[in-house]
C-alpha atoms as a PDB file:
ATOM      1  CA  MET A   1       0.610  33.250  10.301  1.00  0.00           C
ATOM      2  CA  ASN A   2      -1.712  32.404  13.187  1.00  0.00           C
ATOM      3  CA  VAL A   3       0.405  29.912  15.131  1.00  0.00           C
ATOM      4  CA  LYS A   4      -2.065  29.712  18.016  1.00  0.00           C
ATOM      5  CA  ARG A   5      -4.797  28.603  15.613  1.00  0.00           C
ATOM      6  CA  LEU A   6      -2.522  25.908  14.193  1.00  0.00           C
ATOM      7  CA  ILE A   7      -1.700  24.700  17.709  1.00  0.00           C
ATOM      8  CA  PHE A   8      -5.398  24.619  18.565  1.00  0.00           C
ATOM      9  CA  GLU A   9      -6.054  22.399  15.519  1.00  0.00           C
ATOM     10  CA  GLY A  10      -3.490  19.938  16.891  1.00  0.00           C
ATOM     11  CA  GLU A  11      -0.993  17.629  15.285  1.00  0.00           C
ATOM     12  CA  GLY A  12      -2.213  15.734  12.237  1.00  0.00           C
ATOM     13  CA  VAL A  13      -1.469  14.713   8.675  1.00  0.00           C
ATOM     14  CA  SER A  14       0.080  18.099   7.800  1.00  0.00           C
ATOM     15  CA  LEU A  15       1.199  19.474  11.188  1.00  0.00           C
ATOM     16  CA  ASP A  16       3.797  18.360  13.728  1.00  0.00           C
ATOM     17  CA  PHE A  17       5.047  19.950  16.967  1.00  0.00           C
ATOM     18  CA  LYS A  18       8.673  19.742  18.056  1.00  0.00           C
ATOM     19  CA  LYS A  19       9.921  21.192  21.337  1.00  0.00           C
ATOM     20  CA  THR A  20      13.441  21.039  19.904  1.00  0.00           C
ATOM     21  CA  ILE A  21      15.341  19.108  17.211  1.00  0.00           C
ATOM     22  CA  THR A  22      17.457  16.361  18.756  1.00  0.00           C
ATOM     23  CA  SER A  23      18.025  13.993  15.820  1.00  0.00           C
ATOM     24  CA  CYS A  24      18.516  14.501  12.088  1.00  0.00           C
ATOM     25  CA  GLU A  25      17.187  10.977  11.452  1.00  0.00           C
ATOM     26  CA  LYS A  26      13.928  11.617  13.302  1.00  0.00           C
ATOM     27  CA  ILE A  27      13.193  15.024  11.789  1.00  0.00           C
ATOM     28  CA  ALA A  28      14.086  13.747   8.285  1.00  0.00           C
ATOM     29  CA  ARG A  29      11.475  11.022   8.745  1.00  0.00           C
ATOM     30  CA  THR A  30       8.789  13.610   9.499  1.00  0.00           C
ATOM     31  CA  MET A  31       9.812  15.919   6.633  1.00  0.00           C
ATOM     32  CA  VAL A  32       9.930  13.030   4.153  1.00  0.00           C
ATOM     33  CA  SER A  33       6.451  11.881   5.215  1.00  0.00           C
ATOM     34  CA  PHE A  34       5.134  15.410   4.538  1.00  0.00           C
ATOM     35  CA  ALA A  35       6.853  15.601   1.121  1.00  0.00           C
ATOM     36  CA  ASN A  36       5.423  12.198   0.163  1.00  0.00           C
ATOM     37  CA  ASN A  37       1.959  13.495   1.023  1.00  0.00           C
ATOM     38  CA  ARG A  38       0.670  17.016   0.281  1.00  0.00           C
ATOM     39  CA  GLY A  39       3.210  18.856   2.390  1.00  0.00           C
ATOM     40  CA  GLY A  40       3.118  20.022   5.978  1.00  0.00           C
ATOM     41  CA  LYS A  41       4.406  22.339   8.681  1.00  0.00           C
ATOM     42  CA  LEU A  42       6.688  21.812  11.656  1.00  0.00           C
ATOM     43  CA  LEU A  43       6.283  24.103  14.648  1.00  0.00           C
ATOM     44  CA  ILE A  44       9.641  24.160  16.432  1.00  0.00           C
ATOM     45  CA  GLY A  45       9.464  25.406  20.006  1.00  0.00           C
ATOM     46  CA  VAL A  46       6.050  23.831  20.669  1.00  0.00           C
ATOM     47  CA  ALA A  47       5.706  20.804  22.949  1.00  0.00           C
ATOM     48  CA  ASP A  48       3.564  17.757  22.124  1.00  0.00           C
ATOM     49  CA  ASP A  49       0.803  19.043  24.402  1.00  0.00           C
ATOM     50  CA  GLY A  50       0.674  22.324  22.444  1.00  0.00           C
ATOM     51  CA  SER A  51       2.364  24.463  25.083  1.00  0.00           C
ATOM     52  CA  ILE A  52       4.688  27.109  23.634  1.00  0.00           C
ATOM     53  CA  LYS A  53       8.235  26.704  24.950  1.00  0.00           C
ATOM     54  CA  GLY A  54      10.029  28.853  22.391  1.00  0.00           C
ATOM     55  CA  VAL A  55      13.228  28.182  20.494  1.00  0.00           C
ATOM     56  CA  LYS A  56      16.448  28.657  22.463  1.00  0.00           C
ATOM     57  CA  SER A  57      18.859  28.659  19.522  1.00  0.00           C
ATOM     58  CA  GLU A  58      17.138  29.460  16.239  1.00  0.00           C
ATOM     59  CA  ASP A  59      20.389  29.101  14.246  1.00  0.00           C
ATOM     60  CA  GLU A  60      21.036  25.647  15.678  1.00  0.00           C
ATOM     61  CA  GLU A  61      17.493  24.476  14.866  1.00  0.00           C
ATOM     62  CA  ARG A  62      17.779  25.800  11.300  1.00  0.00           C
ATOM     63  CA  TYR A  63      21.140  24.056  10.905  1.00  0.00           C
ATOM     64  CA  MET A  64      19.747  20.688  12.085  1.00  0.00           C
ATOM     65  CA  ILE A  65      16.692  20.922   9.818  1.00  0.00           C
ATOM     66  CA  THR A  66      18.724  22.010   6.779  1.00  0.00           C
ATOM     67  CA  LYS A  67      21.251  19.222   7.404  1.00  0.00           C
ATOM     68  CA  ALA A  68      18.442  16.670   7.715  1.00  0.00           C
ATOM     69  CA  ALA A  69      16.743  17.979   4.551  1.00  0.00           C
ATOM     70  CA  HIS A  70      19.926  17.762   2.461  1.00  0.00           C
ATOM     71  CA  LEU A  71      21.882  14.825   3.911  1.00  0.00           C
ATOM     72  CA  PHE A  72      19.248  12.617   5.522  1.00  0.00           C
ATOM     73  CA  ALA A  73      16.539  12.878   2.828  1.00  0.00           C
ATOM     74  CA  ARG A  74      16.784  11.567  -0.726  1.00  0.00           C
ATOM     75  CA  PRO A  75      15.949  13.311  -3.037  1.00  0.00           C
ATOM     76  CA  ALA A  76      16.894  16.327  -0.912  1.00  0.00           C
ATOM     77  CA  LEU A  77      14.144  18.571   0.454  1.00  0.00           C
ATOM     78  CA  ASP A  78      13.925  22.355   0.395  1.00  0.00           C
ATOM     79  CA  PRO A  79      12.143  23.561   3.551  1.00  0.00           C
ATOM     80  CA  SER A  80      11.242  27.221   4.062  1.00  0.00           C
ATOM     81  CA  PHE A  81      11.519  28.996   7.428  1.00  0.00           C
ATOM     82  CA  GLU A  82       9.464  31.651   9.148  1.00  0.00           C
ATOM     83  CA  GLU A  83      10.053  33.142  12.606  1.00  0.00           C
ATOM     84  CA  VAL A  84       6.913  33.934  14.574  1.00  0.00           C
ATOM     85  CA  TYR A  85       6.795  35.412  18.075  1.00  0.00           C
ATOM     86  CA  VAL A  86       3.959  34.075  20.204  1.00  0.00           C
ATOM     87  CA  ASP A  87       3.576  35.420  23.746  1.00  0.00           C
ATOM     88  CA  GLU A  88       7.103  36.830  23.434  1.00  0.00           C
ATOM     89  CA  LYS A  89       8.502  33.371  22.601  1.00  0.00           C
ATOM     90  CA  LEU A  90      10.049  32.509  19.252  1.00  0.00           C
ATOM     91  CA  VAL A  91       8.430  29.689  17.284  1.00  0.00           C
ATOM     92  CA  LEU A  92      10.218  28.535  14.137  1.00  0.00           C
ATOM     93  CA  VAL A  93       7.710  27.500  11.460  1.00  0.00           C
ATOM     94  CA  VAL A  94       9.179  25.108   8.900  1.00  0.00           C
ATOM     95  CA  GLU A  95       7.156  24.379   5.773  1.00  0.00           C
ATOM     96  CA  ILE A  96       7.797  21.309   3.616  1.00  0.00           C
ATOM     97  CA  PRO A  97       5.838  21.386   0.355  1.00  0.00           C
ATOM     98  CA  GLY A  98       4.325  18.327  -1.264  1.00  0.00           C
ATOM     99  CA  SER A  99       6.806  16.971  -3.786  1.00  0.00           C
ATOM    100  CA  ASN A 100       6.734  16.016  -7.457  1.00  0.00           C
ATOM    101  CA  LEU A 101       9.825  13.842  -6.939  1.00  0.00           C
ATOM    102  CA  LYS A 102       8.164  11.104  -4.895  1.00  0.00           C
ATOM    103  CA  PRO A 103       9.024   8.867  -3.253  1.00  0.00           C
ATOM    104  CA  HIS A 104      11.427  10.568  -0.834  1.00  0.00           C
ATOM    105  CA  TYR A 105      13.529   8.359   1.413  1.00  0.00           C
ATOM    106  CA  ALA A 106      14.867   9.107   4.906  1.00  0.00           C
ATOM    107  CA  LEU A 107      18.168   7.765   6.244  1.00  0.00           C
ATOM    108  CA  ALA A 108      17.499   5.696   9.361  1.00  0.00           C
ATOM    109  CA  GLU A 109      19.756   4.901  12.315  1.00  0.00           C
ATOM    110  CA  ASP A 110      20.497   1.500  10.741  1.00  0.00           C
ATOM    111  CA  GLY A 111      22.119   3.221   7.743  1.00  0.00           C
ATOM    112  CA  LYS A 112      19.316   2.192   5.370  1.00  0.00           C
ATOM    113  CA  TRP A 113      17.005   4.451   3.360  1.00  0.00           C
ATOM    114  CA  TRP A 114      13.272   4.047   3.962  1.00  0.00           C
ATOM    115  CA  VAL A 115      10.110   5.679   2.621  1.00  0.00           C
ATOM    116  CA  TYR A 116       7.735   7.206   5.175  1.00  0.00           C
ATOM    117  CA  VAL A 117       4.187   8.471   4.808  1.00  0.00           C
ATOM    118  CA  ARG A 118       1.957  10.450   7.144  1.00  0.00           C
ATOM    119  CA  VAL A 119      -0.860   8.590   8.907  1.00  0.00           C
ATOM    120  CA  LYS A 120      -2.824  10.945  11.174  1.00  0.00           C
ATOM    121  CA  ASP A 121      -0.150  12.498  13.434  1.00  0.00           C
ATOM    122  CA  LYS A 122       2.496   9.799  12.889  1.00  0.00           C
ATOM    123  CA  SER A 123       5.180   9.209  10.253  1.00  0.00           C
ATOM    124  CA  VAL A 124       5.009   5.507   9.394  1.00  0.00           C
ATOM    125  CA  LEU A 125       7.040   3.207   7.194  1.00  0.00           C
ATOM    126  CA  ALA A 126       5.488   2.861   3.741  1.00  0.00           C
ATOM    127  CA  SER A 127       4.619  -0.560   2.366  1.00  0.00           C
ATOM    128  CA  LYS A 128       5.948  -1.704  -0.996  1.00  0.00           C
ATOM    129  CA  ILE A 129       2.540  -1.008  -2.543  1.00  0.00           C
ATOM    130  CA  VAL A 130       2.572   2.591  -1.267  1.00  0.00           C
ATOM    131  CA  VAL A 131       6.126   3.060  -2.578  1.00  0.00           C
ATOM    132  CA  ASP A 132       5.104   1.726  -6.011  1.00  0.00           C
ATOM    133  CA  VAL A 133       2.055   4.024  -6.091  1.00  0.00           C
ATOM    134  CA  LEU A 134       4.259   7.037  -5.200  1.00  0.00           C
ATOM    135  CA  LYS A 135       6.798   6.118  -7.898  1.00  0.00           C
ATOM    136  CA  ARG A 136       4.265   5.634 -10.647  1.00  0.00           C
ATOM    137  CA  SER A 137       2.078   8.609  -9.725  1.00  0.00           C
ATOM    138  CA  ALA A 138       5.179  10.857  -9.849  1.00  0.00           C
ATOM    139  CA  SER A 139       6.264   9.476 -13.232  1.00  0.00           C
ATOM    140  CA  ASN A 140       2.853  10.230 -14.828  1.00  0.00           C
ATOM    141  CA  GLU A 141       2.714   6.758 -16.326  1.00  0.00           C
ATOM    142  CA  GLY A 142      -0.594   5.947 -17.875  1.00  0.00           C
ATOM    143  CA  VAL A 143      -2.336   2.876 -16.504  1.00  0.00           C
ATOM    144  CA  LEU A 144      -4.089   0.526 -18.865  1.00  0.00           C
ATOM    145  CA  ILE A 145      -6.432  -1.772 -16.978  1.00  0.00           C
ATOM    146  CA  GLU A 146      -7.467  -4.956 -18.699  1.00  0.00           C
ATOM    147  CA  TYR A 147     -10.442  -6.375 -16.843  1.00  0.00           C
ATOM    148  CA  SER A 148      -9.515 -10.000 -16.491  1.00  0.00           C
ATOM    149  CA  THR A 149     -11.143 -12.520 -14.194  1.00  0.00           C
ATOM    150  CA  LEU A 150      -8.789 -11.366 -11.406  1.00  0.00           C
ATOM    151  CA  GLU A 151      -9.991  -7.746 -11.399  1.00  0.00           C
ATOM    152  CA  LYS A 152     -13.611  -8.808 -11.725  1.00  0.00           C
ATOM    153  CA  THR A 153     -13.341 -11.288  -8.829  1.00  0.00           C
ATOM    154  CA  LEU A 154     -11.601  -8.746  -6.583  1.00  0.00           C
ATOM    155  CA  LEU A 155     -14.134  -5.971  -7.229  1.00  0.00           C
ATOM    156  CA  GLU A 156     -17.074  -8.341  -6.700  1.00  0.00           C
ATOM    157  CA  TYR A 157     -15.497  -9.384  -3.386  1.00  0.00           C
ATOM    158  CA  LEU A 158     -15.070  -5.740  -2.300  1.00  0.00           C
ATOM    159  CA  ASP A 159     -18.661  -5.027  -3.242  1.00  0.00           C
ATOM    160  CA  LYS A 160     -19.770  -7.650  -0.712  1.00  0.00           C
ATOM    161  CA  THR A 161     -17.189  -7.395   2.077  1.00  0.00           C
ATOM    162  CA  VAL A 162     -16.029  -3.746   1.750  1.00  0.00           C
ATOM    163  CA  ARG A 163     -12.331  -4.313   2.507  1.00  0.00           C
ATOM    164  CA  ILE A 164      -9.438  -6.667   1.780  1.00  0.00           C
ATOM    165  CA  THR A 165      -5.785  -7.067   2.847  1.00  0.00           C
ATOM    166  CA  ILE A 166      -3.000  -8.153   0.503  1.00  0.00           C
ATOM    167  CA  LYS A 167      -2.858 -11.565   2.199  1.00  0.00           C
ATOM    168  CA  GLU A 168      -6.613 -12.039   1.649  1.00  0.00           C
ATOM    169  CA  CYS A 169      -6.178 -10.866  -1.949  1.00  0.00           C
ATOM    170  CA  CYS A 170      -3.527 -13.525  -2.590  1.00  0.00           C
ATOM    171  CA  GLU A 171      -5.769 -16.213  -1.100  1.00  0.00           C
ATOM    172  CA  LEU A 172      -8.888 -15.039  -2.949  1.00  0.00           C
ATOM    173  CA  LEU A 173      -7.242 -14.836  -6.374  1.00  0.00           C
ATOM    174  CA  LYS A 174      -4.736 -17.662  -5.794  1.00  0.00           C
ATOM    175  CA  ILE A 175      -1.825 -15.516  -7.007  1.00  0.00           C
ATOM    176  CA  SER A 176       1.626 -14.602  -5.668  1.00  0.00           C
ATOM    177  CA  ARG A 177       2.165 -11.604  -3.408  1.00  0.00           C
ATOM    178  CA  LYS A 178       4.135  -9.876  -6.166  1.00  0.00           C
ATOM    179  CA  ARG A 179       1.307 -10.303  -8.686  1.00  0.00           C
ATOM    180  CA  ALA A 180      -1.228  -9.109  -6.107  1.00  0.00           C
ATOM    181  CA  GLN A 181       0.874  -5.997  -5.450  1.00  0.00           C
ATOM    182  CA  GLN A 182       0.997  -5.177  -9.175  1.00  0.00           C
ATOM    183  CA  LEU A 183      -2.745  -5.623  -9.547  1.00  0.00           C
ATOM    184  CA  LEU A 184      -3.539  -3.471  -6.488  1.00  0.00           C
ATOM    185  CA  VAL A 185      -1.158  -0.691  -7.584  1.00  0.00           C
ATOM    186  CA  ASP A 186      -2.813  -0.565 -11.033  1.00  0.00           C
ATOM    187  CA  LEU A 187      -6.283  -0.345  -9.502  1.00  0.00           C
ATOM    188  CA  ILE A 188      -5.184   2.341  -7.005  1.00  0.00           C
ATOM    189  CA  LEU A 189      -3.617   4.480  -9.747  1.00  0.00           C
ATOM    190  CA  SER A 190      -6.762   4.087 -11.842  1.00  0.00           C
ATOM    191  CA  GLY A 191      -8.864   5.426  -8.987  1.00  0.00           C
ATOM    192  CA  ILE A 192     -10.860   2.205  -8.726  1.00  0.00           C
ATOM    193  CA  ILE A 193      -9.742   1.167  -5.252  1.00  0.00           C
ATOM    194  CA  ARG A 194      -8.325   3.121  -2.322  1.00  0.00           C
ATOM    195  CA  ILE A 195      -5.426   2.255  -0.035  1.00  0.00           C
ATOM    196  CA  ASN A 196      -6.076   2.664   3.696  1.00  0.00           C
ATOM    197  CA  THR A 197      -3.002   2.808   5.913  1.00  0.00           C
ATOM    198  CA  THR A 198      -3.123   2.696   9.696  1.00  0.00           C
ATOM    199  CA  GLU A 199      -0.318   2.205  12.210  1.00  0.00           C
ATOM    200  CA  LYS A 200      -1.286  -1.459  12.578  1.00  0.00           C
ATOM    201  CA  GLU A 201      -2.410  -2.572   9.126  1.00  0.00           C
ATOM    202  CA  GLU A 202      -3.039  -1.718   5.504  1.00  0.00           C
ATOM    203  CA  PHE A 203      -6.199  -2.618   3.625  1.00  0.00           C
ATOM    204  CA  TYR A 204      -7.990  -1.775   0.395  1.00  0.00           C
ATOM    205  CA  THR A 205     -11.527  -0.599  -0.311  1.00  0.00           C
ATOM    206  CA  ALA A 206     -13.471   0.183  -3.475  1.00  0.00           C
ATOM    207  CA  VAL A 207     -13.872   3.846  -4.399  1.00  0.00           C
ATOM    208  CA  SER A 208     -17.581   4.610  -4.236  1.00  0.00           C
END
């Protein structure tokens, strides 16, 4: 594995650098966000700026990651490990595959279980709509879309204004937030609209 090439590419949706593992809660959040996406790699012994520091205690790092994967993630994760020496320093490469058991939850410091997804180089809390999409996409449920006035109005709106938030959707269609969530999830799973998650907001666009 070419670790230097990975470092050069930088942190992103499927890559995260960790100088060392200091918290099971924090590393579980990152691993869960990878599993809920298409998988990813952790480079342990690499600082945020990409400088290679090396792993001081490989056994301790493995123990923390394994503990986080089994006790701080639900369903449990099964990371794989590879030791790579770069410039005579040991980098521990941890791979978390994309999961078929979505959504995965991570145990937070408040004792609650939350779903996280990867947005660029950050692991962010998933909205209820994202959680519902993960649940239903993993269960292989078929989606039957009945084009009522609601769907037609929403798609005509997106054709003109490009994007919409859930609040705007509720106001446009004059429906409850719960009903709007159901409608958006159905359209996302049908491949008709796309969910766009940023650190600050979530919005929906039509699939061109």
